[in-house]
Protein backbone atom coordinates (compact mmCIF):
# COMPACT_ATOMS: atom_id res chain seq x y z
CA MET A 1 8.74 13.19 15.62
CA ILE A 2 6.50 15.51 13.58
CA VAL A 3 8.09 14.32 10.33
CA GLN A 4 7.42 10.69 11.31
CA ARG A 5 3.79 11.45 12.18
CA GLN A 6 3.31 13.27 8.87
CA ALA A 7 4.75 10.27 7.00
CA ASP A 8 2.39 7.98 8.94
CA LEU A 9 -0.56 10.23 8.12
CA ASP A 10 0.38 10.22 4.41
CA ARG A 11 0.63 6.43 4.47
CA VAL A 12 -2.77 6.08 6.13
CA ALA A 13 -4.31 8.41 3.52
CA ARG A 14 -2.75 6.35 0.71
CA LEU A 15 -3.98 3.09 2.24
CA ALA A 16 -7.47 4.57 2.65
CA ALA A 17 -7.53 5.47 -1.04
CA GLU A 18 -6.36 1.95 -1.99
CA TYR A 19 -9.03 0.43 0.26
CA LYS A 20 -11.72 2.63 -1.32
CA ASP A 21 -10.61 1.57 -4.83
CA ALA A 22 -10.64 -2.11 -3.85
CA ALA A 23 -14.09 -1.78 -2.25
CA GLU A 24 -15.42 -0.14 -5.45
CA ARG A 25 -14.00 -3.00 -7.58
CA VAL A 26 -15.64 -5.59 -5.31
CA ALA A 27 -18.96 -3.73 -5.48
CA ALA A 28 -18.73 -3.61 -9.29
CA LEU A 29 -18.09 -7.37 -9.42
CA ASP A 30 -20.99 -8.01 -7.04
CA ARG A 31 -23.28 -6.07 -9.37
CA ARG A 32 -22.25 -8.37 -12.25
CA VAL A 33 -23.11 -11.51 -10.31
CA ALA A 34 -26.64 -12.46 -11.30
CA ARG A 35 -29.17 -14.02 -9.00
CA PRO A 36 -29.33 -17.82 -9.17
CA GLY A 37 -31.34 -18.94 -12.17
CA ALA A 38 -31.06 -15.62 -13.98
CA PHE A 39 -28.01 -16.67 -16.02
CA SER A 40 -27.40 -19.94 -17.86
CA LEU A 41 -23.70 -20.52 -18.45
CA LEU A 42 -24.17 -23.25 -21.04
CA SER A 43 -26.68 -21.22 -23.05
CA PHE A 44 -24.46 -18.16 -22.93
CA LEU A 45 -21.40 -20.09 -24.14
CA GLU A 46 -23.36 -21.47 -27.09
CA GLU A 47 -24.97 -18.11 -27.92
CA ALA A 48 -21.55 -16.46 -27.88
CA ALA A 49 -20.28 -19.03 -30.37
CA VAL A 50 -23.31 -18.47 -32.61
CA ALA A 51 -22.82 -14.69 -32.42
CA GLN A 52 -19.22 -15.12 -33.61
CA GLN A 53 -20.30 -17.41 -36.51
CA MET A 54 -18.50 -20.30 -34.81
CA ARG A 55 -21.43 -22.65 -34.14
CA GLY A 56 -20.01 -25.26 -36.48
CA ARG A 57 -16.64 -25.03 -34.70
CA LEU A 58 -18.15 -25.66 -31.26
CA THR A 59 -17.83 -29.42 -30.79
CA SER A 60 -18.77 -29.74 -27.12
CA ILE A 61 -19.73 -27.94 -23.94
CA ARG A 62 -19.42 -30.09 -20.85
CA PRO A 63 -20.59 -28.82 -17.47
CA GLN A 64 -18.07 -29.31 -14.68
CA PRO A 65 -18.76 -29.76 -10.95
CA SER A 66 -19.69 -26.45 -9.34
CA GLN A 67 -17.77 -24.92 -6.47
CA THR A 68 -19.36 -22.92 -3.68
CA LEU A 69 -17.67 -20.19 -1.70
CA PRO A 70 -20.40 -18.34 0.20
CA PRO A 71 -22.00 -16.08 -0.85
CA TYR A 72 -21.07 -17.14 -4.41
CA ARG A 73 -21.43 -20.31 -6.45
CA GLU A 74 -18.98 -20.91 -9.29
CA LEU A 75 -20.23 -22.75 -12.35
CA SER A 76 -17.70 -24.31 -14.70
CA ALA A 77 -17.80 -25.74 -18.18
CA GLU A 78 -15.29 -27.19 -20.59
CA VAL A 79 -15.69 -25.79 -24.10
CA LYS A 80 -14.11 -27.48 -27.09
CA LEU A 81 -13.68 -25.55 -30.32
CA GLU A 82 -12.02 -27.00 -33.40
CA SER A 83 -10.49 -25.43 -36.49
CA VAL A 84 -10.80 -21.86 -35.29
CA THR A 85 -8.58 -19.05 -36.40
CA LEU A 86 -6.84 -16.76 -33.95
CA PRO A 87 -9.19 -13.83 -34.77
CA GLN A 88 -12.22 -16.07 -34.15
CA LEU A 89 -10.80 -17.18 -30.81
CA VAL A 90 -10.05 -13.61 -29.77
CA ALA A 91 -13.60 -12.56 -30.72
CA TYR A 92 -15.06 -15.44 -28.68
CA LEU A 93 -12.95 -14.60 -25.63
CA THR A 94 -13.93 -10.94 -25.98
CA ALA A 95 -17.60 -11.97 -25.99
CA LEU A 96 -17.00 -13.94 -22.79
CA ASP A 97 -15.30 -10.95 -21.22
CA ARG A 98 -18.36 -8.80 -21.98
CA ALA A 99 -20.83 -11.28 -20.46
CA PRO A 100 -23.61 -9.88 -18.28
CA GLN A 101 -22.24 -12.02 -15.45
CA ARG A 102 -18.63 -12.26 -14.39
CA LEU A 103 -16.83 -15.06 -16.25
CA ARG A 104 -13.23 -16.15 -16.16
CA VAL A 105 -11.22 -18.46 -18.35
CA LYS A 106 -9.28 -20.72 -16.01
CA SER A 107 -7.45 -22.71 -18.65
CA LEU A 108 -6.88 -22.33 -22.37
CA ARG A 109 -5.14 -24.97 -24.47
CA LEU A 110 -4.35 -24.38 -28.12
CA LYS A 111 -3.05 -26.84 -30.69
CA THR A 112 -1.72 -25.90 -34.07
CA ARG A 113 -3.05 -28.08 -36.87
CA TYR A 114 -1.13 -28.24 -40.12
CA ALA A 115 -3.86 -30.03 -42.08
């Protein structure tokens, strides 16, 4: 009986630590979510391309319908880059990862061109 209770206590302590870690991750993400109007997705995507010397490779940025899950609003855009090298693409994705607001790449399609 005592051994079982000790195992239960250890499990509760482990779950409490996991919960604390998850709560800290959520709080960190919440801090990265800007107030409405403080962040322009389209401008940021273009500025990131310019910063990576890829402005000429950026052929289009198309806004997509936004999704709302209170208390957050998700903005989406389709970005089309052409004739980029793998290092350029990695640099661009790294810039997106370091954005002041939380961004995620939901889909990435690559085509090899032999021209």
